[in-house]
Amino acid sequence: MRHFGHIAPEVRKRLFHQEPATFTADSPARLLSAALGATLYSPATRPNLADDILKQAANGVVSMVLCLEDSIDDADVPAGEENLVRHLTDLAGRPGADLPLLFVRVRAPEQIPDLVRRLGAAVRTLSGFVLPKFTEERGIPFLEALADAEAATGRRLFAMPVLESPDLLYLESRVPALEGIYRAVDKYRDRVLALRLGVTDFCSSYGLRRAPDMTAYDVQIVASVIADVVNTLGRADGTGFTVTGPVWEYFRVQERMFKPQLRQSPFLEVQAADLRARLIEHAMDGLLREISLDQANGLLGKTCIHPSHVLPVHALSVVSHEEFSDAQDILRPERGGGGVLRSSYTNKMNEVKPHRAWAERTLLRAEAFGVAGEETGFVDLLAAGLTGDVRA
């Protein structure tokens, strides 16, 4: 699989200076954690689950979570498990099927070995499990169950803990909770692919819900938690983990209080005014702004609950030609001693030592999502993903 693999090769060649790398479920964890992109959630109870997975993969989705937790009613869990096992077994029996990275969101640790046992050989369709409401005390049994399941099957299985407990939100318990989470995930570091933020649960603790005109960063109590999670768990010194962005809840906006957040000029330059209107109509301007703020605050990838959110996440994850040029200049071997240099775009200062970690992360993102051509902007990528083509 590869990002933008659903776009015709000749179009992709025109869009990218460096095309996204191909990868599989067996690729190194370092690449997979960066390549998760828009992780699309789907209830495990969907009657056509196998076909839905293949459809989304054909439309550019590279990671999905099949949910047995909050997205389904408590009474539907047994049926959801049965449906999940049946459809994953179906997918395992389709030779040559191009599957995204598949994860199951469970409710309790004992579901992991039970589902693995019931799947049998079809466990090869899975890349791992999503662990809800993760804290040190609650999370260790999940991680132990995952390790046991992996040993029993010989299949590499990753964990993606979801940070959504009230302990993380409340000021008096936040630091101890974060320290405990770090101890837990550090012990199982090789199996933790990414940490996911459950911002909807954070908001629920205070009866809050952000409007489509606002991002998670406009809700200050949520923004403070994100900052502390990145501070503790997302460091670039080798101790950190990939932390993914929170879910965007909106598909369509009926009425607006504030002006749209998308400038007209980038769309007019490529004759894509209709695309801008569609994005605004479906609240995508707010999503695009939140993705940009996710990246500015150290998050990579995003939880998504609607297929229309996938392409914006991926388009804004592509490394610009300017970013790529800066990162390459900073990491040149002859720059090992440090120093300051003018960027090749002659518009900024690149300071080698302070910007090194940024440059390393940028090149990893470039491997996963590609590098845009010099004349390619995010509007071109959005338009190509929707229509299969861009300006002539």
Protein backbone atom coordinates (compact mmCIF):
# COMPACT_ATOMS: atom_id res chain seq x y z
CA MET A 1 0.00 0.00 0.00
CA ARG A 2 1.02 3.61 -0.38
CA HIS A 3 -0.53 7.00 0.21
CA PHE A 4 -2.20 8.40 -2.92
CA GLY A 5 -1.89 4.95 -4.47
CA HIS A 6 -5.48 5.29 -5.71
CA ILE A 7 -4.43 8.13 -7.99
CA ALA A 8 -3.28 7.29 -11.53
CA PRO A 9 0.53 6.87 -11.72
CA GLU A 10 0.95 9.60 -14.33
CA VAL A 11 -0.98 12.06 -12.15
CA ARG A 12 1.01 11.07 -9.08
CA LYS A 13 4.25 11.58 -10.99
CA ARG A 14 3.16 15.10 -11.90
CA LEU A 15 2.14 15.94 -8.33
CA PHE A 16 5.17 14.69 -6.43
CA HIS A 17 8.85 15.55 -6.34
CA GLN A 18 9.28 12.34 -4.32
CA GLU A 19 6.39 9.87 -4.36
CA PRO A 20 5.17 8.24 -1.13
CA ALA A 21 6.93 4.99 -0.28
CA THR A 22 5.19 1.65 -0.53
CA PHE A 23 4.78 -0.28 2.71
CA THR A 24 3.09 -3.37 4.10
CA ALA A 25 1.79 -4.47 7.48
CA ASP A 26 5.23 -6.04 8.01
CA SER A 27 7.18 -2.81 7.42
CA PRO A 28 9.27 -1.34 10.26
CA ALA A 29 7.22 0.18 13.08
CA ARG A 30 9.01 3.50 12.62
CA LEU A 31 7.54 3.88 9.13
CA LEU A 32 4.11 2.48 10.00
CA SER A 33 3.65 4.87 12.92
CA ALA A 34 4.32 7.82 10.62
CA ALA A 35 2.20 6.41 7.80
CA LEU A 36 -1.04 5.79 9.73
CA GLY A 37 -2.50 8.99 8.33
CA ALA A 38 -6.26 9.29 8.63
CA THR A 39 -7.25 6.25 10.69
CA LEU A 40 -10.88 5.57 9.78
CA TYR A 41 -13.11 4.12 12.50
CA SER A 42 -15.94 1.75 11.63
CA PRO A 43 -18.39 -0.07 13.91
CA ALA A 44 -17.60 -3.80 13.87
CA THR A 45 -21.32 -4.48 13.46
CA ARG A 46 -21.54 -3.24 9.86
CA PRO A 47 -23.30 -5.95 7.81
CA ASN A 48 -20.98 -5.56 4.78
CA LEU A 49 -17.81 -5.01 6.78
CA ALA A 50 -15.42 -6.91 4.48
CA ASP A 51 -16.62 -5.11 1.35
CA ASP A 52 -16.57 -1.77 3.20
CA ILE A 53 -12.92 -2.30 4.14
CA LEU A 54 -11.92 -3.07 0.57
CA LYS A 55 -13.90 -0.08 -0.72
CA GLN A 56 -12.16 2.31 1.67
CA ALA A 57 -8.75 0.87 0.83
CA ALA A 58 -9.45 1.46 -2.86
CA ASN A 59 -10.27 5.09 -2.02
CA GLY A 60 -6.95 5.76 -0.30
CA VAL A 61 -7.49 4.63 3.33
CA VAL A 62 -4.38 2.92 4.73
CA SER A 63 -5.45 2.34 8.34
CA MET A 64 -8.79 1.41 9.90
CA VAL A 65 -10.13 0.63 13.37
CA LEU A 66 -12.97 -1.85 13.67
CA CYS A 67 -14.69 -0.80 16.86
CA LEU A 68 -16.27 -3.01 19.51
CA GLU A 69 -16.33 -0.24 22.10
CA ASP A 70 -18.07 3.15 22.19
CA SER A 71 -19.42 3.06 18.62
CA ILE A 72 -21.76 0.14 19.35
CA ASP A 73 -24.38 -0.55 22.01
CA ASP A 74 -23.37 -2.67 24.97
CA ALA A 75 -25.94 -5.28 23.99
CA ASP A 76 -24.43 -5.59 20.50
CA VAL A 77 -20.94 -6.65 21.57
CA PRO A 78 -21.42 -10.44 21.08
CA ALA A 79 -22.95 -9.89 17.64
CA GLY A 80 -20.20 -7.43 16.81
CA GLU A 81 -17.51 -9.95 17.72
CA GLU A 82 -19.18 -12.63 15.63
CA ASN A 83 -19.55 -10.25 12.69
CA LEU A 84 -15.93 -9.17 12.98
CA VAL A 85 -14.58 -12.72 13.01
CA ARG A 86 -16.77 -13.73 10.07
CA HIS A 87 -15.75 -10.82 7.87
CA LEU A 88 -12.03 -10.93 8.69
CA THR A 89 -12.10 -14.64 7.90
CA ASP A 90 -13.78 -13.73 4.62
CA LEU A 91 -11.04 -11.20 3.84
CA ALA A 92 -8.32 -13.71 4.69
CA GLY A 93 -9.83 -16.02 2.08
CA ARG A 94 -9.65 -13.43 -0.72
CA PRO A 95 -6.24 -13.90 -2.36
CA GLY A 96 -4.58 -10.70 -3.45
CA ALA A 97 -6.97 -8.42 -1.53
CA ASP A 98 -5.34 -5.07 -0.80
CA LEU A 99 -6.07 -4.49 2.86
CA PRO A 100 -5.31 -1.42 4.94
CA LEU A 101 -3.70 -1.75 8.34
CA LEU A 102 -6.54 -3.15 10.47
CA PHE A 103 -6.92 -2.72 14.22
CA VAL A 104 -9.70 -3.84 16.55
CA ARG A 105 -10.84 -1.58 19.35
CA VAL A 106 -11.73 -3.83 22.27
CA ARG A 107 -13.41 -3.17 25.60
CA ALA A 108 -11.64 -5.61 27.92
CA PRO A 109 -8.25 -7.39 27.91
CA GLU A 110 -9.81 -10.84 27.68
CA GLN A 111 -11.30 -9.99 24.29
CA ILE A 112 -7.83 -9.96 22.73
CA PRO A 113 -6.92 -13.65 23.23
CA ASP A 114 -10.53 -14.68 22.60
CA LEU A 115 -10.73 -12.89 19.25
CA VAL A 116 -7.28 -14.12 18.22
CA ARG A 117 -8.31 -17.69 19.02
CA ARG A 118 -11.56 -17.38 17.07
CA LEU A 119 -9.83 -15.82 14.09
CA GLY A 120 -7.29 -18.60 13.77
CA ALA A 121 -5.27 -18.19 10.60
CA ALA A 122 -7.29 -15.06 9.72
CA VAL A 123 -5.38 -13.18 12.43
CA ARG A 124 -2.94 -12.33 9.66
CA THR A 125 -5.42 -9.67 8.51
CA LEU A 126 -4.87 -7.77 11.78
CA SER A 127 -2.10 -5.33 12.63
CA GLY A 128 -3.14 -4.94 16.27
CA PHE A 129 -5.59 -3.62 18.81
CA VAL A 130 -6.75 -0.23 20.07
CA LEU A 131 -6.84 -0.05 23.86
CA PRO A 132 -9.50 2.30 25.29
CA LYS A 133 -9.36 4.61 28.32
CA PHE A 134 -5.71 3.80 28.84
CA THR A 135 -4.03 4.38 32.18
CA GLU A 136 -1.16 2.52 33.81
CA GLU A 137 -3.44 0.41 36.00
CA ARG A 138 -6.01 -0.26 33.31
CA GLY A 139 -3.54 -0.54 30.42
CA ILE A 140 -1.05 -3.11 31.70
CA PRO A 141 -3.56 -6.04 31.49
CA PHE A 142 -4.32 -5.06 27.87
CA LEU A 143 -0.64 -4.97 26.98
CA GLU A 144 0.01 -8.29 28.70
CA ALA A 145 -2.89 -9.87 26.82
CA LEU A 146 -1.52 -8.49 23.56
CA ALA A 147 1.95 -9.88 24.26
CA ASP A 148 0.49 -13.30 25.07
CA ALA A 149 -1.61 -13.29 21.89
CA GLU A 150 1.41 -12.37 19.83
CA ALA A 151 3.46 -15.17 21.35
CA ALA A 152 0.67 -17.66 20.73
CA THR A 153 0.23 -16.75 17.08
CA GLY A 154 3.71 -15.70 16.00
CA ARG A 155 2.05 -12.65 14.45
CA ARG A 156 3.37 -9.17 15.22
CA LEU A 157 0.52 -7.26 16.86
CA PHE A 158 0.71 -3.58 17.73
CA ALA A 159 -1.08 -1.63 20.45
CA MET A 160 -2.58 1.82 20.03
CA PRO A 161 -3.61 3.08 23.49
CA VAL A 162 -6.30 5.75 23.59
CA LEU A 163 -5.65 8.54 26.09
CA GLU A 164 -9.12 9.62 27.19
CA SER A 165 -9.38 9.02 30.93
CA PRO A 166 -10.63 11.85 33.20
CA ASP A 167 -7.42 11.36 35.20
CA LEU A 168 -5.58 13.01 32.31
CA LEU A 169 -7.96 15.95 32.30
CA TYR A 170 -8.14 16.79 35.98
CA LEU A 171 -5.30 19.05 37.04
CA GLU A 172 -4.56 17.31 40.35
CA SER A 173 -4.15 13.86 38.73
CA ARG A 174 -2.71 14.72 35.32
CA VAL A 175 0.99 14.49 36.04
CA PRO A 176 0.81 11.18 37.98
CA ALA A 177 -1.45 9.76 35.25
CA LEU A 178 0.94 10.76 32.48
CA GLU A 179 3.92 9.37 34.39
CA GLY A 180 2.07 6.08 34.86
CA ILE A 181 1.12 5.88 31.18
CA TYR A 182 4.72 6.49 30.23
CA ARG A 183 5.91 3.65 32.47
CA ALA A 184 3.38 1.29 30.90
CA VAL A 185 4.06 2.10 27.26
CA ASP A 186 7.81 2.35 27.75
CA LYS A 187 7.86 -1.23 29.06
CA TYR A 188 6.13 -2.39 25.85
CA ARG A 189 7.75 0.21 23.58
CA ASP A 190 8.32 -2.18 20.67
CA ARG A 191 4.60 -2.93 20.50
CA VAL A 192 3.15 0.58 20.91
CA LEU A 193 2.66 1.93 17.40
CA ALA A 194 1.01 5.23 18.36
CA LEU A 195 -0.91 6.95 21.13
CA ARG A 196 -4.37 8.25 20.22
CA LEU A 197 -6.16 11.19 21.86
CA GLY A 198 -9.81 10.80 22.90
CA VAL A 199 -10.80 14.46 22.93
CA THR A 200 -14.54 13.73 22.80
CA ASP A 201 -14.22 11.97 26.17
CA PHE A 202 -12.19 14.88 27.52
CA CYS A 203 -14.97 17.30 26.56
CA SER A 204 -17.65 15.08 28.07
CA SER A 205 -16.10 15.43 31.51
CA TYR A 206 -17.10 19.10 31.45
CA GLY A 207 -20.21 18.91 29.30
CA LEU A 208 -18.41 20.57 26.40
CA ARG A 209 -18.56 20.09 22.64
CA ARG A 210 -16.57 22.16 20.18
CA ALA A 211 -18.53 23.82 17.39
CA PRO A 212 -17.64 23.35 13.69
CA ASP A 213 -16.22 26.89 13.68
CA MET A 214 -13.71 25.92 16.37
CA THR A 215 -10.82 23.50 16.69
CA ALA A 216 -9.79 21.40 19.66
CA TYR A 217 -7.16 24.05 20.35
CA ASP A 218 -9.84 26.70 20.91
CA VAL A 219 -11.14 24.66 23.87
CA GLN A 220 -8.47 25.65 26.33
CA ILE A 221 -8.88 22.81 28.78
CA VAL A 222 -8.49 20.32 25.92
CA ALA A 223 -5.55 22.22 24.45
CA SER A 224 -3.78 22.10 27.80
CA VAL A 225 -4.12 18.30 27.93
CA ILE A 226 -2.80 17.91 24.39
CA ALA A 227 0.20 20.06 25.29
CA ASP A 228 0.96 18.00 28.39
CA VAL A 229 0.57 14.69 26.51
CA VAL A 230 3.05 15.82 23.87
CA ASN A 231 5.34 17.23 26.57
CA THR A 232 5.47 13.89 28.39
CA LEU A 233 4.95 11.32 25.65
CA GLY A 234 5.86 12.95 22.34
CA ARG A 235 9.43 14.11 22.86
CA ALA A 236 11.94 13.96 20.00
CA ASP A 237 14.84 12.71 22.13
CA GLY A 238 14.21 9.01 21.51
CA THR A 239 11.89 8.58 24.49
CA GLY A 240 8.72 9.73 22.74
CA PHE A 241 5.95 8.10 20.73
CA THR A 242 3.83 9.10 17.76
CA VAL A 243 0.76 10.92 19.09
CA THR A 244 -2.18 11.22 16.69
CA GLY A 245 -4.67 14.06 16.38
CA PRO A 246 -8.23 14.07 17.78
CA VAL A 247 -11.35 13.21 15.85
CA TRP A 248 -13.26 15.80 13.81
CA GLU A 249 -16.99 15.27 14.36
CA TYR A 250 -18.66 17.24 11.59
CA PHE A 251 -19.72 16.29 8.04
CA ARG A 252 -21.93 19.19 7.02
CA VAL A 253 -22.71 22.62 8.47
CA GLN A 254 -26.23 24.01 8.39
CA GLU A 255 -25.46 27.49 9.70
CA ARG A 256 -22.28 29.45 10.42
CA MET A 257 -21.53 32.07 13.01
CA PHE A 258 -18.05 32.95 11.71
CA LYS A 259 -16.53 33.42 8.28
CA PRO A 260 -15.07 30.39 6.47
CA GLN A 261 -11.42 29.80 7.28
CA LEU A 262 -10.19 28.96 3.76
CA ARG A 263 -8.58 31.70 1.68
CA GLN A 264 -9.88 32.00 -1.88
CA SER A 265 -6.60 32.62 -3.69
CA PRO A 266 -5.08 29.08 -3.52
CA PHE A 267 -8.27 27.70 -5.06
CA LEU A 268 -8.60 30.41 -7.71
CA GLU A 269 -5.03 29.80 -8.86
CA VAL A 270 -5.91 26.24 -9.89
CA GLN A 271 -9.48 26.98 -10.97
CA ALA A 272 -10.92 25.05 -8.04
CA ALA A 273 -13.46 27.50 -6.61
CA ASP A 274 -16.11 24.77 -6.63
CA LEU A 275 -13.84 22.60 -4.49
CA ARG A 276 -13.50 25.39 -1.94
CA ALA A 277 -17.30 25.76 -1.80
CA ARG A 278 -17.71 22.02 -1.21
CA LEU A 279 -15.12 21.98 1.55
CA ILE A 280 -16.80 24.88 3.33
CA GLU A 281 -20.25 23.33 2.93
CA HIS A 282 -19.05 20.14 4.63
CA ALA A 283 -17.13 21.88 7.46
CA MET A 284 -13.80 20.89 5.98
CA ASP A 285 -12.32 24.35 6.48
CA GLY A 286 -12.43 23.77 10.23
CA LEU A 287 -10.93 20.30 9.75
CA LEU A 288 -8.10 21.66 7.60
CA ARG A 289 -7.28 24.26 10.23
CA GLU A 290 -7.29 21.66 13.00
CA ILE A 291 -4.98 19.36 11.00
CA SER A 292 -2.54 22.26 10.60
CA LEU A 293 -2.67 22.94 14.34
CA ASP A 294 -2.21 19.22 15.08
CA GLN A 295 1.03 19.25 13.13
CA ALA A 296 2.19 22.52 14.68
CA ASN A 297 1.66 20.96 18.13
CA GLY A 298 3.58 17.76 17.46
CA LEU A 299 0.76 15.40 16.39
CA LEU A 300 0.85 13.21 13.28
CA GLY A 301 -2.16 11.48 11.73
CA LYS A 302 -5.74 11.79 12.89
CA THR A 303 -8.69 9.75 14.06
CA CYS A 304 -11.48 9.96 11.46
CA ILE A 305 -15.10 8.86 11.60
CA HIS A 306 -16.14 9.80 8.07
CA PRO A 307 -14.50 8.85 4.75
CA SER A 308 -14.62 12.45 3.54
CA HIS A 309 -12.09 13.40 6.23
CA VAL A 310 -9.38 11.06 4.93
CA LEU A 311 -8.16 13.02 1.92
CA PRO A 312 -7.72 16.35 3.76
CA VAL A 313 -5.59 14.62 6.41
CA HIS A 314 -3.41 12.99 3.78
CA ALA A 315 -3.12 16.09 1.58
CA LEU A 316 -1.89 18.20 4.50
CA SER A 317 0.51 15.45 5.59
CA VAL A 318 2.48 15.64 2.34
CA VAL A 319 5.79 17.41 2.85
CA SER A 320 6.14 20.58 0.82
CA HIS A 321 9.12 20.98 -1.47
CA GLU A 322 10.31 23.85 0.69
CA GLU A 323 10.16 21.80 3.90
CA PHE A 324 12.01 18.97 2.18
CA SER A 325 14.75 21.28 0.92
CA ASP A 326 15.22 22.76 4.39
CA ALA A 327 15.34 19.33 6.04
CA GLN A 328 17.90 18.03 3.56
CA ASP A 329 20.11 21.09 4.01
CA ILE A 330 20.01 20.78 7.80
CA LEU A 331 20.93 17.07 7.75
CA ARG A 332 23.80 17.25 5.29
CA PRO A 333 26.84 15.40 6.77
CA GLU A 334 29.02 18.49 6.49
CA ARG A 335 26.59 20.30 8.81
CA GLY A 336 27.30 17.91 11.68
CA GLY A 337 29.11 20.60 13.62
CA GLY A 338 26.12 22.93 13.66
CA GLY A 339 25.90 26.48 12.45
CA VAL A 340 23.33 28.67 10.74
CA LEU A 341 22.50 28.81 7.05
CA ARG A 342 20.07 30.62 4.83
CA SER A 343 17.36 28.37 3.40
CA SER A 344 17.53 27.44 -0.27
CA TYR A 345 14.23 29.33 -0.64
CA THR A 346 16.06 32.39 0.80
CA ASN A 347 13.19 33.20 3.15
CA LYS A 348 14.27 31.87 6.54
CA MET A 349 17.13 30.88 8.83
CA ASN A 350 17.93 27.19 9.31
CA GLU A 351 19.86 26.61 12.52
CA VAL A 352 21.35 23.13 12.24
CA LYS A 353 21.38 21.85 15.81
CA PRO A 354 17.99 23.19 17.05
CA HIS A 355 16.24 22.21 13.78
CA ARG A 356 17.77 18.72 13.47
CA ALA A 357 14.95 16.86 15.22
CA TRP A 358 12.39 18.69 13.08
CA ALA A 359 14.33 17.77 9.94
CA GLU A 360 14.51 14.09 10.89
CA ARG A 361 10.78 13.97 11.52
CA THR A 362 10.12 15.81 8.26
CA LEU A 363 12.11 13.28 6.23
CA LEU A 364 10.24 10.42 7.89
CA ARG A 365 6.94 12.07 6.97
CA ALA A 366 8.30 12.58 3.46
CA GLU A 367 8.97 8.86 3.19
CA ALA A 368 5.42 8.04 4.27
CA PHE A 369 3.46 10.76 2.43
CA GLY A 370 5.82 11.95 -0.26
CA VAL A 371 7.19 15.35 -1.20
CA ALA A 372 5.08 17.72 -3.28
CA GLY A 373 6.47 19.13 -6.48
CA GLU A 374 7.69 22.71 -6.46
CA GLU A 375 4.47 23.91 -8.08
CA THR A 376 2.14 21.55 -6.21
CA GLY A 377 0.00 22.93 -3.38
CA PHE A 378 -2.45 21.24 -1.05
CA VAL A 379 -5.33 22.28 -3.32
CA ASP A 380 -3.77 20.26 -6.16
CA LEU A 381 -3.55 17.23 -3.89
CA LEU A 382 -7.13 17.61 -2.72
CA ALA A 383 -8.41 18.04 -6.27
CA ALA A 384 -6.43 15.07 -7.53
CA GLY A 385 -7.71 12.85 -4.74
CA LEU A 386 -11.30 13.79 -5.52
CA THR A 387 -11.15 13.75 -9.33
CA GLY A 388 -8.03 11.81 -10.21
CA ASP A 389 -6.49 14.78 -11.97
CA VAL A 390 -5.18 18.33 -11.45
CA ARG A 391 -4.52 21.32 -13.63
CA ALA A 392 -2.95 20.62 -17.01
